[in-house]
């Protein structure tokens, strides 16, 4: 096996964790078999060599080695998974042997109905990269099903998000101060450390707004001059405020984190090539006071303004730099991440994509009594899809489901034409 590169995995190696990003695709079409899928996967590996990457350790240094492409050949399960959400959750939470590769594939089929599960370890790339990879894979599968030779389109250089990261950062990033943390703020959910350990640690709840609700929400955000990402952040904020209303009544300072594309902060200029970090994301971090007597749209406007300002200050890159160098991680109340419009389309020729969902599973970064929650959103086929991920048993299954569905109700309320004067207190007092 030929070595690809050799370097310390600065963050993940030292904290001793692995993070899996898993994608579920529900497909419909003729000719999708284990053979055509294997053919499409091998073509994808040719396009993206890091998909053949395995990780071996020598004297505490990670060596990335090239693996044979046959490592990704899936075997088809006869019959579909009746509970695909559970299967996706299990795959995302499964500890992977990275010596066997950073990507794994699970496939089930029944006639022209198919289920495809792809899991990518975070050491290989990130959630945005996985969406782009799925798009490229589906193009290959469509061509293979039609017995056409696969002619791969030119892809971006999807690489390890920490690979040569220092070269991406502007020189003044290391001089940025730590974010200011107020003396009093609403903390994350507290954990009951006496509860019995539950495996898997991470669980997720999926919700979708149908096309009409999604279109209405986008239109209302445009009317107010705010982003859908800001609306989603406030929905997550309100879900947390509702969950902790007894211990932390409003007003409260909320510490927020959300994802932002790294290229939009770095800019396209040497030494960064235009297509080198399209997949890389960093965090924005800001503090926002939430009070019961403000309208929900006023809260969204504050989030939208804060996100724009923090993006301009490149605070996300400063956060990553400190995280890599100093293991600095400020506390936060809510992580609300919007990945925007997914590159995955509803149809690839005769191949139809009926549904797609993504889940982040974490090992090592959290313990069973850490009350970690993450909210992710993306749009697919005109629908806004949200994934609420939480660590158990610190967050119970009932509470996780309640918070996920409450987020969804807030998004629907914002989409309604008569929501302009809705107060935060009114929304929190309403029944689910």
Protein backbone atom coordinates (compact mmCIF):
# COMPACT_ATOMS: atom_id res chain seq x y z
CA UNK A 1 0.00 0.00 0.00
CA UNK A 2 1.43 3.33 -1.03
CA UNK A 3 1.41 6.14 1.54
CA UNK A 4 -0.61 9.19 0.50
CA UNK A 5 0.63 11.61 3.13
CA UNK A 6 1.91 11.59 6.68
CA UNK A 7 1.01 14.12 9.35
CA UNK A 8 -0.41 14.32 12.87
CA UNK A 9 -4.21 14.32 13.07
CA UNK A 10 -3.95 17.30 15.36
CA UNK A 11 -7.46 17.42 16.78
CA UNK A 12 -9.04 13.98 16.52
CA UNK A 13 -5.92 12.02 17.44
CA UNK A 14 -5.30 13.99 20.62
CA UNK A 15 -8.86 13.88 21.93
CA UNK A 16 -9.15 10.26 20.87
CA UNK A 17 -12.46 10.36 19.04
CA UNK A 18 -14.05 9.50 15.75
CA UNK A 19 -17.03 11.23 14.18
CA UNK A 20 -19.16 9.55 11.54
CA UNK A 21 -21.34 11.36 9.01
CA UNK A 22 -24.01 9.01 7.63
CA UNK A 23 -26.32 9.63 4.68
CA UNK A 24 -29.50 7.72 3.85
CA UNK A 25 -30.81 7.67 0.26
CA UNK A 26 -34.12 6.12 -0.77
CA UNK A 27 -33.93 5.28 -4.47
CA UNK A 28 -36.34 4.04 -7.12
CA UNK A 29 -35.25 2.69 -10.47
CA UNK A 30 -34.46 -0.33 -12.61
CA UNK A 31 -30.99 -1.85 -12.72
CA UNK A 32 -29.69 -0.73 -9.32
CA UNK A 33 -27.80 -3.81 -8.18
CA UNK A 34 -24.75 -4.57 -6.10
CA UNK A 35 -22.76 -4.82 -9.35
CA UNK A 36 -23.83 -1.46 -10.81
CA UNK A 37 -23.35 0.21 -7.44
CA UNK A 38 -19.85 -1.27 -7.12
CA UNK A 39 -19.00 -0.02 -10.61
CA UNK A 40 -20.22 3.48 -9.68
CA UNK A 41 -18.29 3.44 -6.38
CA UNK A 42 -15.03 2.44 -8.07
CA UNK A 43 -15.43 5.31 -10.51
CA UNK A 44 -16.02 7.65 -7.56
CA UNK A 45 -12.84 6.39 -5.90
CA UNK A 46 -10.93 7.18 -9.07
CA UNK A 47 -12.27 10.74 -8.93
CA UNK A 48 -11.51 11.15 -5.21
CA UNK A 49 -8.41 9.29 -4.00
CA UNK A 50 -9.10 10.11 -0.35
CA UNK A 51 -12.00 7.62 -0.51
CA UNK A 52 -9.32 4.92 -0.73
CA UNK A 53 -7.67 6.28 2.39
CA UNK A 54 -7.02 4.25 5.51
CA UNK A 55 -5.35 5.47 8.69
CA UNK A 56 -2.50 3.64 10.38
CA UNK A 57 -0.61 4.84 13.46
CA UNK A 58 3.15 4.72 13.85
CA UNK A 59 4.67 6.31 16.96
CA UNK A 60 1.58 8.48 17.52
CA UNK A 61 1.67 9.80 13.96
CA UNK A 62 -1.21 9.04 11.61
CA UNK A 63 -0.13 7.66 8.26
CA UNK A 64 -2.73 7.85 5.50
CA UNK A 65 -2.35 4.82 3.24
CA UNK A 66 -4.06 3.91 0.00
CA UNK A 67 -6.38 0.91 0.10
CA UNK A 68 -7.62 -1.27 -2.77
CA UNK A 69 -10.89 -0.07 -4.26
CA UNK A 70 -12.54 -3.43 -3.59
CA UNK A 71 -12.84 -2.36 0.06
CA UNK A 72 -16.01 -0.44 -0.84
CA UNK A 73 -17.89 -3.17 -2.72
CA UNK A 74 -21.25 -3.52 -0.93
CA UNK A 75 -23.32 -6.66 -0.56
CA UNK A 76 -27.05 -6.19 -1.09
CA UNK A 77 -29.53 -7.08 1.64
CA UNK A 78 -32.60 -8.88 0.33
CA UNK A 79 -35.59 -6.82 1.39
CA UNK A 80 -35.78 -3.28 2.72
CA UNK A 81 -35.16 -2.11 6.27
CA UNK A 82 -38.59 -1.40 7.77
CA UNK A 83 -37.00 0.98 10.28
CA UNK A 84 -34.38 2.72 8.16
CA UNK A 85 -34.02 5.49 10.78
CA UNK A 86 -32.76 2.94 13.31
CA UNK A 87 -30.39 1.42 10.75
CA UNK A 88 -28.98 4.86 9.91
CA UNK A 89 -28.59 5.64 13.60
CA UNK A 90 -26.76 2.36 14.23
CA UNK A 91 -24.38 2.93 11.32
CA UNK A 92 -23.61 6.51 12.40
CA UNK A 93 -22.86 5.35 15.94
CA UNK A 94 -20.79 2.31 14.95
CA UNK A 95 -17.12 2.58 15.84
CA UNK A 96 -15.15 2.26 12.61
CA UNK A 97 -11.75 0.69 12.14
CA UNK A 98 -10.13 3.47 10.12
CA UNK A 99 -7.42 1.10 8.95
CA UNK A 100 -10.16 -0.39 6.73
CA UNK A 101 -11.03 2.96 5.16
CA UNK A 102 -12.85 6.20 5.90
CA UNK A 103 -15.99 5.26 3.94
CA UNK A 104 -18.42 2.35 4.28
CA UNK A 105 -21.51 1.39 2.28
CA UNK A 106 -24.70 -0.48 3.22
CA UNK A 107 -27.28 -1.42 0.57
CA UNK A 108 -30.76 -2.99 0.64
CA UNK A 109 -33.01 -3.70 -2.32
CA UNK A 110 -36.49 -4.99 -3.15
CA UNK A 111 -37.39 -4.89 -6.84
CA UNK A 112 -37.08 -1.28 -7.98
CA UNK A 113 -37.03 0.09 -4.42
CA UNK A 114 -33.58 0.59 -2.89
CA UNK A 115 -31.99 1.92 0.29
CA UNK A 116 -28.42 3.19 0.28
CA UNK A 117 -26.47 4.12 3.43
CA UNK A 118 -23.09 5.83 3.12
CA UNK A 119 -20.94 6.58 6.15
CA UNK A 120 -17.89 8.83 5.96
CA UNK A 121 -15.56 9.28 8.89
CA UNK A 122 -14.85 12.90 9.80
CA UNK A 123 -11.13 12.18 9.47
CA UNK A 124 -11.84 11.82 5.77
CA UNK A 125 -14.04 14.86 5.25
CA UNK A 126 -17.25 16.46 6.47
CA UNK A 127 -21.00 16.64 5.98
CA UNK A 128 -20.91 19.07 3.06
CA UNK A 129 -18.41 16.86 1.25
CA UNK A 130 -20.63 13.82 1.77
CA UNK A 131 -23.53 15.56 0.03
CA UNK A 132 -21.32 16.39 -2.97
CA UNK A 133 -20.00 12.83 -3.03
CA UNK A 134 -23.54 11.42 -2.99
CA UNK A 135 -24.46 13.65 -5.93
CA UNK A 136 -21.46 12.41 -7.92
CA UNK A 137 -22.20 8.80 -6.96
CA UNK A 138 -25.83 9.02 -8.11
CA UNK A 139 -24.70 10.38 -11.48
CA UNK A 140 -22.40 7.36 -11.79
CA UNK A 141 -25.15 4.93 -10.71
CA UNK A 142 -27.56 6.38 -13.28
CA UNK A 143 -25.01 5.91 -16.05
CA UNK A 144 -24.15 2.39 -14.89
CA UNK A 145 -27.85 1.40 -14.81
CA UNK A 146 -28.14 2.45 -18.45
CA UNK A 147 -25.06 0.38 -19.34
CA UNK A 148 -23.24 3.56 -20.26
CA UNK A 149 -19.55 4.12 -19.67
CA UNK A 150 -19.13 6.37 -16.66
CA UNK A 151 -17.72 9.72 -17.70
CA UNK A 152 -17.05 11.52 -14.43
CA UNK A 153 -17.55 15.25 -14.36
CA UNK A 154 -14.76 17.33 -12.90
CA UNK A 155 -15.15 17.38 -9.14
CA UNK A 156 -13.86 19.76 -6.50
CA UNK A 157 -10.81 18.68 -4.56
CA UNK A 158 -12.66 17.28 -1.58
CA UNK A 159 -9.95 16.70 0.99
CA UNK A 160 -9.50 16.17 4.68
CA UNK A 161 -10.84 19.33 6.33
CA UNK A 162 -7.75 19.67 8.53
CA UNK A 163 -5.24 18.92 5.78
CA UNK A 164 -2.85 21.87 5.48
CA UNK A 165 -5.37 24.06 7.27
CA UNK A 166 -2.75 26.53 8.46
CA UNK A 167 -2.05 27.44 4.84
CA UNK A 168 -5.69 28.44 4.39
CA UNK A 169 -5.86 30.89 7.27
CA UNK A 170 -5.11 34.62 6.92
CA UNK A 171 -2.03 35.64 8.90
CA UNK A 172 -3.95 37.74 11.43
CA UNK A 173 -6.33 34.96 12.50
CA UNK A 174 -4.07 33.77 15.32
CA UNK A 175 -4.19 37.28 16.82
CA UNK A 176 -7.97 37.34 17.18
CA UNK A 177 -9.16 37.43 20.81
CA UNK A 178 -11.32 34.75 22.37
CA UNK A 179 -15.07 35.38 22.07
CA UNK A 180 -16.49 37.32 25.01
CA UNK A 181 -18.63 35.12 27.25
CA UNK A 182 -21.17 36.90 29.48
CA UNK A 183 -21.14 36.22 33.20
CA UNK A 184 -24.68 34.80 33.09
CA UNK A 185 -26.18 32.75 30.28
CA UNK A 186 -28.50 29.81 29.72
CA UNK A 187 -26.27 26.72 29.90
CA UNK A 188 -26.78 23.53 27.90
CA UNK A 189 -29.21 21.00 29.30
CA UNK A 190 -27.96 19.60 32.59
CA UNK A 191 -27.35 15.87 32.74
CA UNK A 192 -28.45 13.34 35.33
CA UNK A 193 -25.17 11.52 35.96
CA UNK A 194 -26.91 8.70 37.82
CA UNK A 195 -28.73 7.39 34.77
CA UNK A 196 -27.81 4.07 33.24
CA UNK A 197 -25.58 4.27 30.17
CA UNK A 198 -27.51 3.86 26.91
CA UNK A 199 -26.00 2.74 23.63
CA UNK A 200 -25.81 4.10 21.06
CA UNK A 201 -25.03 7.41 22.70
CA UNK A 202 -26.33 9.55 19.85
CA UNK A 203 -29.92 9.47 18.60
CA UNK A 204 -31.71 11.59 16.02
CA UNK A 205 -35.21 12.77 15.18
CA UNK A 206 -36.09 13.61 11.57
CA UNK A 207 -38.68 16.22 10.60
CA UNK A 208 -39.73 17.66 7.26
CA UNK A 209 -41.69 20.72 6.18
CA UNK A 210 -43.64 19.94 3.03
CA UNK A 211 -43.07 21.96 -0.13
CA UNK A 212 -45.88 24.46 0.59
CA UNK A 213 -44.67 25.23 4.12
CA UNK A 214 -41.07 25.47 2.92
CA UNK A 215 -41.96 27.85 0.10
CA UNK A 216 -43.97 30.00 2.52
CA UNK A 217 -41.09 30.11 5.02
CA UNK A 218 -38.57 31.17 2.37
CA UNK A 219 -40.94 33.90 1.16
CA UNK A 220 -41.49 35.22 4.69
CA UNK A 221 -37.73 35.31 5.36
CA UNK A 222 -37.24 37.31 2.16
CA UNK A 223 -39.96 39.75 3.25
CA UNK A 224 -38.11 40.35 6.52
CA UNK A 225 -34.67 40.51 4.92
CA UNK A 226 -33.29 37.60 6.95
CA UNK A 227 -31.87 34.18 6.14
CA UNK A 228 -33.60 30.84 6.62
CA UNK A 229 -30.52 29.80 8.59
CA UNK A 230 -31.21 32.59 11.11
CA UNK A 231 -34.85 31.47 11.40
CA UNK A 232 -33.68 27.92 12.04
CA UNK A 233 -31.23 29.12 14.71
CA UNK A 234 -34.04 30.93 16.54
CA UNK A 235 -36.25 27.83 16.31
CA UNK A 236 -33.46 25.87 18.02
CA UNK A 237 -33.05 28.65 20.57
CA UNK A 238 -36.76 28.58 21.43
CA UNK A 239 -36.74 24.79 21.75
CA UNK A 240 -33.97 25.09 24.34
CA UNK A 241 -35.75 27.96 26.14
CA UNK A 242 -38.90 25.86 26.37
CA UNK A 243 -37.00 22.81 27.66
CA UNK A 244 -35.37 24.84 30.46
CA UNK A 245 -38.16 27.32 31.21
CA UNK A 246 -38.50 26.09 34.80
CA UNK A 247 -34.84 26.64 35.69
CA UNK A 248 -33.99 29.57 33.42
CA UNK A 249 -36.96 31.87 32.74
CA UNK A 250 -36.50 34.56 30.10
CA UNK A 251 -34.78 36.90 29.50
CA UNK A 252 -31.61 34.86 29.05
CA UNK A 253 -28.34 35.21 27.17
CA UNK A 254 -28.10 32.38 24.65
CA UNK A 255 -24.69 31.23 23.38
CA UNK A 256 -25.07 30.15 19.77
CA UNK A 257 -22.92 28.22 17.31
CA UNK A 258 -23.64 27.59 13.65
CA UNK A 259 -21.74 26.36 10.60
CA UNK A 260 -20.44 28.59 7.83
CA UNK A 261 -18.61 27.71 4.63
CA UNK A 262 -14.90 28.24 5.18
CA UNK A 263 -14.31 29.54 1.66
CA UNK A 264 -16.70 32.45 2.26
CA UNK A 265 -14.51 33.58 5.16
CA UNK A 266 -11.10 32.97 3.62
CA UNK A 267 -11.93 34.26 0.15
CA UNK A 268 -10.53 32.87 -3.08
CA UNK A 269 -6.95 34.05 -3.22
CA UNK A 270 -3.48 32.47 -2.99
CA UNK A 271 -2.46 30.22 -1.40
CA UNK A 272 -6.05 28.96 -1.48
CA UNK A 273 -7.26 27.68 -4.82
CA UNK A 274 -10.87 28.30 -5.80
CA UNK A 275 -11.91 24.67 -5.47
CA UNK A 276 -9.80 23.56 -2.53
CA UNK A 277 -12.10 24.07 0.44
CA UNK A 278 -15.63 24.09 -0.89
CA UNK A 279 -16.31 21.23 1.54
CA UNK A 280 -14.73 22.77 4.62
CA UNK A 281 -16.83 24.44 7.29
CA UNK A 282 -16.03 26.37 10.43
CA UNK A 283 -18.14 27.67 13.28
CA UNK A 284 -19.65 31.06 13.92
CA UNK A 285 -20.21 31.88 17.58
CA UNK A 286 -22.29 34.69 19.06
CA UNK A 287 -24.25 35.66 22.16
CA UNK A 288 -27.88 36.75 21.83
CA UNK A 289 -30.32 37.83 24.49
CA UNK A 290 -33.75 36.26 24.14
CA UNK A 291 -36.67 37.94 25.93
CA UNK A 292 -40.33 37.03 26.10
CA UNK A 293 -41.62 40.48 25.12
CA UNK A 294 -39.89 40.61 21.71
CA UNK A 295 -41.45 39.25 18.55
CA UNK A 296 -40.10 36.04 17.10
CA UNK A 297 -39.19 37.90 13.90
CA UNK A 298 -37.20 40.45 15.94
CA UNK A 299 -35.20 37.55 17.39
CA UNK A 300 -34.61 36.20 13.87
CA UNK A 301 -33.43 39.63 12.72
CA UNK A 302 -30.90 39.76 15.58
CA UNK A 303 -29.59 36.30 14.68
CA UNK A 304 -29.31 37.19 11.00
CA UNK A 305 -27.38 40.38 11.82
CA UNK A 306 -25.07 38.62 14.28
CA UNK A 307 -24.27 35.83 11.81
CA UNK A 308 -23.45 38.37 9.09
CA UNK A 309 -21.19 40.37 11.40
CA UNK A 310 -19.36 37.32 12.75
CA UNK A 311 -18.85 36.00 9.24
CA UNK A 312 -17.29 39.33 8.22
CA UNK A 313 -14.98 39.30 11.24
CA UNK A 314 -13.83 35.76 10.34
CA UNK A 315 -14.55 34.73 13.92
CA UNK A 316 -15.25 31.16 12.82
CA UNK A 317 -11.70 30.76 11.52
CA UNK A 318 -10.33 32.22 14.75
CA UNK A 319 -12.39 29.65 16.65
CA UNK A 320 -10.97 26.79 14.56
CA UNK A 321 -7.42 28.08 14.99
CA UNK A 322 -7.75 28.13 18.78
CA UNK A 323 -9.48 24.76 18.77
CA UNK A 324 -6.62 23.19 16.83
CA UNK A 325 -3.82 24.90 18.74
CA UNK A 326 -5.16 25.37 22.26
CA UNK A 327 -8.14 22.99 22.47
CA UNK A 328 -10.19 26.08 23.22
CA UNK A 329 -13.93 25.45 23.00
CA UNK A 330 -16.29 28.09 24.40
CA UNK A 331 -19.51 26.83 25.97
CA UNK A 332 -22.66 27.11 23.91
CA UNK A 333 -26.37 26.71 24.50
CA UNK A 334 -27.47 25.59 21.04
CA UNK A 335 -25.72 24.38 17.88
CA UNK A 336 -27.95 25.09 14.87
CA UNK A 337 -26.33 24.24 11.56
CA UNK A 338 -27.84 24.98 8.17
CA UNK A 339 -26.16 23.29 5.22
CA UNK A 340 -28.32 25.18 2.74
CA UNK A 341 -29.50 23.65 -0.51
CA UNK A 342 -28.37 20.06 -0.87
CA UNK A 343 -26.65 19.25 -4.18
CA UNK A 344 -28.63 16.01 -4.30
CA UNK A 345 -31.46 16.27 -6.82
CA UNK A 346 -34.78 14.44 -6.95
CA UNK A 347 -33.99 12.64 -10.23
CA UNK A 348 -30.94 11.37 -12.10
CA UNK A 349 -32.33 10.25 -15.43
CA UNK A 350 -34.49 7.18 -14.77
CA UNK A 351 -33.15 6.96 -11.20
CA UNK A 352 -35.40 8.73 -8.68
CA UNK A 353 -34.31 9.90 -5.23
CA UNK A 354 -37.36 9.75 -2.99
CA UNK A 355 -35.76 10.82 0.27
CA UNK A 356 -32.42 11.74 1.83
CA UNK A 357 -31.39 12.25 5.43
CA UNK A 358 -28.11 12.84 7.22
CA UNK A 359 -26.95 12.05 10.73
CA UNK A 360 -23.84 12.87 12.74
CA UNK A 361 -22.72 10.20 15.20
CA UNK A 362 -20.03 10.97 17.77
CA UNK A 363 -17.65 8.79 19.73
CA UNK A 364 -15.02 9.97 22.16
CA UNK A 365 -15.95 13.64 21.88
CA UNK A 366 -18.82 13.22 24.33
CA UNK A 367 -19.48 10.96 27.29
CA UNK A 368 -22.86 9.38 28.05
CA UNK A 369 -23.72 12.09 30.57
CA UNK A 370 -22.88 15.06 28.32
CA UNK A 371 -26.08 16.77 27.20
CA UNK A 372 -24.88 17.45 23.68
CA UNK A 373 -27.50 18.52 21.14
CA UNK A 374 -27.08 19.50 17.48
CA UNK A 375 -29.67 20.75 15.00
CA UNK A 376 -29.01 20.42 11.26
CA UNK A 377 -31.15 21.58 8.34
CA UNK A 378 -31.03 21.19 4.58
CA UNK A 379 -33.48 21.47 1.69
CA UNK A 380 -34.28 18.59 -0.63
CA UNK A 381 -36.85 18.44 -3.43
CA UNK A 382 -38.44 21.68 -2.24
CA UNK A 383 -38.74 20.51 1.39
CA UNK A 384 -36.90 21.73 4.47
CA UNK A 385 -35.51 18.70 6.31
CA UNK A 386 -34.27 18.99 9.88
CA UNK A 387 -32.27 16.54 11.97
CA UNK A 388 -32.15 16.96 15.75
CA UNK A 389 -29.30 14.90 17.22
CA UNK A 390 -28.84 14.43 20.96
CA UNK A 391 -26.62 12.50 23.38
CA UNK A 392 -28.32 9.93 25.60
CA UNK A 393 -29.07 9.40 28.44
CA UNK A 394 -28.35 13.05 29.29
CA UNK A 395 -31.19 13.96 26.92
CA UNK A 396 -33.99 11.42 27.13
CA UNK A 397 -35.68 10.07 24.01
CA UNK A 398 -38.96 11.79 24.95
CA UNK A 399 -37.28 15.16 25.50
CA UNK A 400 -35.27 14.87 22.29
CA UNK A 401 -38.40 14.13 20.27
CA UNK A 402 -40.28 16.98 21.96
CA UNK A 403 -37.53 19.50 21.19
CA UNK A 404 -37.27 18.34 17.57
CA UNK A 405 -40.99 18.67 16.94
CA UNK A 406 -41.12 22.01 18.75
CA UNK A 407 -38.43 23.36 16.40
CA UNK A 408 -40.64 22.29 13.53
CA UNK A 409 -43.68 24.07 14.99
CA UNK A 410 -41.68 27.30 15.32
CA UNK A 411 -40.68 27.09 11.65
CA UNK A 412 -44.33 26.62 10.68
CA UNK A 413 -45.37 29.58 12.81
CA UNK A 414 -42.77 31.77 11.11
CA UNK A 415 -44.08 30.63 7.72
CA UNK A 416 -47.63 31.72 8.59
CA UNK A 417 -48.80 35.05 7.07
CA UNK A 418 -50.06 36.37 10.44
CA UNK A 419 -46.85 35.74 12.42
CA UNK A 420 -45.40 39.29 12.35
CA UNK A 421 -46.63 40.25 15.83
CA UNK A 422 -46.19 36.87 17.53
CA UNK A 423 -44.26 37.33 20.77
CA UNK A 424 -41.70 34.84 22.02
CA UNK A 425 -43.69 34.47 25.26
CA UNK A 426 -46.89 33.69 23.33
CA UNK A 427 -45.17 30.98 21.32
CA UNK A 428 -43.57 29.39 24.38
CA UNK A 429 -46.90 29.39 26.22
CA UNK A 430 -48.75 27.69 23.35
CA UNK A 431 -49.42 23.96 23.39
CA UNK A 432 -47.21 21.84 21.12
